[in-house]
Amino acid sequence: MILHCVFCHPLDGAVEELSGIIDELKSFSQSLEGVIAFDYGPNRDFEAKSPDHSIGFVIRFSSAQALAHYAEHPTHKALGGKLCDLCVGGADGIIVYDLEV
């Protein structure tokens, strides 16, 4: 199982629009085979280690192949581009971890 974790450093004033894009990613991803769950929300940063990345999401995939299908899908690429547009430094404002669990 792969846990695809994405953390965003949004531009000032972009959190609401960013949340809308994440909602679209959730709807899209849940239509794909191999997607088990999608969760997102604000980063509470209880340990004060990631204050810039104030919102994130996690997608649970059944396999690396399911993640690859998601990653290469044109809808993911389009929505991912919009996500980048709303983050500080574009793609540099996004951290991604793919954990095998």
C-alpha atoms as a PDB file:
ATOM      1  CA  MET A   1       0.000   0.000   0.000  1.00  0.00           C
ATOM      2  CA  ILE A   2       1.240   3.494  -0.818  1.00  0.00           C
ATOM      3  CA  LEU A   3       0.437   6.562   1.235  1.00  0.00           C
ATOM      4  CA  HIS A   4       0.790   9.583  -1.086  1.00  0.00           C
ATOM      5  CA  CYS A   5       1.274  12.634   1.162  1.00  0.00           C
ATOM      6  CA  VAL A   6       1.199  16.154  -0.304  1.00  0.00           C
ATOM      7  CA  PHE A   7       1.883  19.321   1.699  1.00  0.00           C
ATOM      8  CA  CYS A   8       1.336  22.804   0.248  1.00  0.00           C
ATOM      9  CA  HIS A   9       2.811  26.227   0.992  1.00  0.00           C
ATOM     10  CA  PRO A  10       0.010  28.400  -0.390  1.00  0.00           C
ATOM     11  CA  LEU A  11       0.365  31.919  -1.694  1.00  0.00           C
ATOM     12  CA  ASP A  12      -1.114  34.569   0.592  1.00  0.00           C
ATOM     13  CA  GLY A  13      -4.887  34.502   0.299  1.00  0.00           C
ATOM     14  CA  ALA A  14      -4.952  31.304  -1.779  1.00  0.00           C
ATOM     15  CA  VAL A  15      -6.037  28.742   0.842  1.00  0.00           C
ATOM     16  CA  GLU A  16      -9.721  28.823  -0.091  1.00  0.00           C
ATOM     17  CA  GLU A  17      -9.009  28.395  -3.805  1.00  0.00           C
ATOM     18  CA  LEU A  18      -6.422  25.722  -3.010  1.00  0.00           C
ATOM     19  CA  SER A  19      -9.028  23.859  -0.953  1.00  0.00           C
ATOM     20  CA  GLY A  20     -11.335  23.905  -3.978  1.00  0.00           C
ATOM     21  CA  ILE A  21      -8.638  22.313  -6.152  1.00  0.00           C
ATOM     22  CA  ILE A  22      -8.034  19.678  -3.477  1.00  0.00           C
ATOM     23  CA  ASP A  23     -11.789  18.961  -3.444  1.00  0.00           C
ATOM     24  CA  GLU A  24     -11.578  18.394  -7.204  1.00  0.00           C
ATOM     25  CA  LEU A  25      -8.580  16.085  -6.742  1.00  0.00           C
ATOM     26  CA  LYS A  26     -10.540  14.142  -4.137  1.00  0.00           C
ATOM     27  CA  SER A  27     -13.545  13.674  -6.434  1.00  0.00           C
ATOM     28  CA  PHE A  28     -11.330  12.691  -9.344  1.00  0.00           C
ATOM     29  CA  SER A  29      -9.129  10.297  -7.387  1.00  0.00           C
ATOM     30  CA  GLN A  30     -12.075   8.488  -5.848  1.00  0.00           C
ATOM     31  CA  SER A  31     -13.232   7.588  -9.359  1.00  0.00           C
ATOM     32  CA  LEU A  32     -10.042   5.597  -9.976  1.00  0.00           C
ATOM     33  CA  GLU A  33      -9.456   1.934  -9.288  1.00  0.00           C
ATOM     34  CA  GLY A  34      -6.922   1.386  -6.533  1.00  0.00           C
ATOM     35  CA  VAL A  35      -7.708   4.531  -4.536  1.00  0.00           C
ATOM     36  CA  ILE A  36      -8.682   3.474  -1.026  1.00  0.00           C
ATOM     37  CA  ALA A  37      -9.062   6.818   0.744  1.00  0.00           C
ATOM     38  CA  PHE A  38      -8.461  10.560   0.381  1.00  0.00           C
ATOM     39  CA  ASP A  39      -8.171  12.886   3.381  1.00  0.00           C
ATOM     40  CA  TYR A  40      -7.135  16.506   3.609  1.00  0.00           C
ATOM     41  CA  GLY A  41      -7.125  19.435   5.973  1.00  0.00           C
ATOM     42  CA  PRO A  42      -5.161  22.222   7.575  1.00  0.00           C
ATOM     43  CA  ASN A  43      -1.748  21.552   9.083  1.00  0.00           C
ATOM     44  CA  ARG A  44      -1.993  22.180  12.813  1.00  0.00           C
ATOM     45  CA  ASP A  45       1.826  21.896  13.133  1.00  0.00           C
ATOM     46  CA  PHE A  46       1.745  20.953  16.812  1.00  0.00           C
ATOM     47  CA  GLU A  47       5.535  20.478  16.851  1.00  0.00           C
ATOM     48  CA  ALA A  48       6.241  23.770  15.021  1.00  0.00           C
ATOM     49  CA  LYS A  49       8.234  22.040  12.284  1.00  0.00           C
ATOM     50  CA  SER A  50       6.276  22.912   9.136  1.00  0.00           C
ATOM     51  CA  PRO A  51       4.570  26.297   9.511  1.00  0.00           C
ATOM     52  CA  ASP A  52       4.796  27.230   5.821  1.00  0.00           C
ATOM     53  CA  HIS A  53       2.932  24.140   4.604  1.00  0.00           C
ATOM     54  CA  SER A  54      -0.466  25.049   5.996  1.00  0.00           C
ATOM     55  CA  ILE A  55      -2.636  22.556   4.092  1.00  0.00           C
ATOM     56  CA  GLY A  56      -2.175  19.057   2.803  1.00  0.00           C
ATOM     57  CA  PHE A  57      -3.764  15.846   1.662  1.00  0.00           C
ATOM     58  CA  VAL A  58      -3.115  12.131   1.797  1.00  0.00           C
ATOM     59  CA  ILE A  59      -4.264   9.528  -0.723  1.00  0.00           C
ATOM     60  CA  ARG A  60      -4.095   5.845   0.156  1.00  0.00           C
ATOM     61  CA  PHE A  61      -3.387   3.693  -2.924  1.00  0.00           C
ATOM     62  CA  SER A  62      -3.613  -0.091  -3.065  1.00  0.00           C
ATOM     63  CA  SER A  63      -0.344  -0.301  -5.025  1.00  0.00           C
ATOM     64  CA  ALA A  64       2.435   1.641  -6.685  1.00  0.00           C
ATOM     65  CA  GLN A  65       0.749   0.885 -10.014  1.00  0.00           C
ATOM     66  CA  ALA A  66      -2.454   2.593  -8.846  1.00  0.00           C
ATOM     67  CA  LEU A  67      -0.410   5.664  -7.858  1.00  0.00           C
ATOM     68  CA  ALA A  68       1.343   5.635 -11.243  1.00  0.00           C
ATOM     69  CA  HIS A  69      -2.018   5.517 -13.045  1.00  0.00           C
ATOM     70  CA  TYR A  70      -3.203   8.509 -10.982  1.00  0.00           C
ATOM     71  CA  ALA A  71       0.039  10.440 -11.538  1.00  0.00           C
ATOM     72  CA  GLU A  72      -0.039  10.017 -15.332  1.00  0.00           C
ATOM     73  CA  HIS A  73      -3.740  10.770 -15.747  1.00  0.00           C
ATOM     74  CA  PRO A  74      -4.438  14.026 -17.670  1.00  0.00           C
ATOM     75  CA  THR A  75      -6.935  15.191 -15.023  1.00  0.00           C
ATOM     76  CA  HIS A  76      -4.308  14.831 -12.288  1.00  0.00           C
ATOM     77  CA  LYS A  77      -1.797  16.742 -14.388  1.00  0.00           C
ATOM     78  CA  ALA A  78      -4.262  19.585 -15.017  1.00  0.00           C
ATOM     79  CA  LEU A  79      -5.329  19.863 -11.389  1.00  0.00           C
ATOM     80  CA  GLY A  80      -1.732  19.491 -10.211  1.00  0.00           C
ATOM     81  CA  GLY A  81      -0.793  22.442 -12.420  1.00  0.00           C
ATOM     82  CA  LYS A  82      -3.508  24.535 -10.816  1.00  0.00           C
ATOM     83  CA  LEU A  83      -2.265  23.459  -7.379  1.00  0.00           C
ATOM     84  CA  CYS A  84       1.273  24.566  -8.291  1.00  0.00           C
ATOM     85  CA  ASP A  85      -0.037  27.938  -9.478  1.00  0.00           C
ATOM     86  CA  LEU A  86      -1.419  28.572  -5.984  1.00  0.00           C
ATOM     87  CA  CYS A  87       1.768  27.696  -4.080  1.00  0.00           C
ATOM     88  CA  VAL A  88       4.824  29.785  -3.249  1.00  0.00           C
ATOM     89  CA  GLY A  89       7.453  29.024  -5.880  1.00  0.00           C
ATOM     90  CA  GLY A  90       5.064  26.873  -7.906  1.00  0.00           C
ATOM     91  CA  ALA A  91       6.002  23.197  -7.656  1.00  0.00           C
ATOM     92  CA  ASP A  92       8.754  24.144  -5.184  1.00  0.00           C
ATOM     93  CA  GLY A  93       6.005  25.104  -2.727  1.00  0.00           C
ATOM     94  CA  ILE A  94       4.781  21.501  -2.584  1.00  0.00           C
ATOM     95  CA  ILE A  95       6.345  18.606  -0.682  1.00  0.00           C
ATOM     96  CA  VAL A  96       5.422  15.054  -1.634  1.00  0.00           C
ATOM     97  CA  TYR A  97       6.142  11.843   0.270  1.00  0.00           C
ATOM     98  CA  ASP A  98       5.161   8.422  -1.040  1.00  0.00           C
ATOM     99  CA  LEU A  99       5.333   6.035   1.880  1.00  0.00           C
ATOM    100  CA  GLU A 100       5.130   2.294   1.388  1.00  0.00           C
ATOM    101  CA  VAL A 101       3.118   1.026   4.328  1.00  0.00           C
END
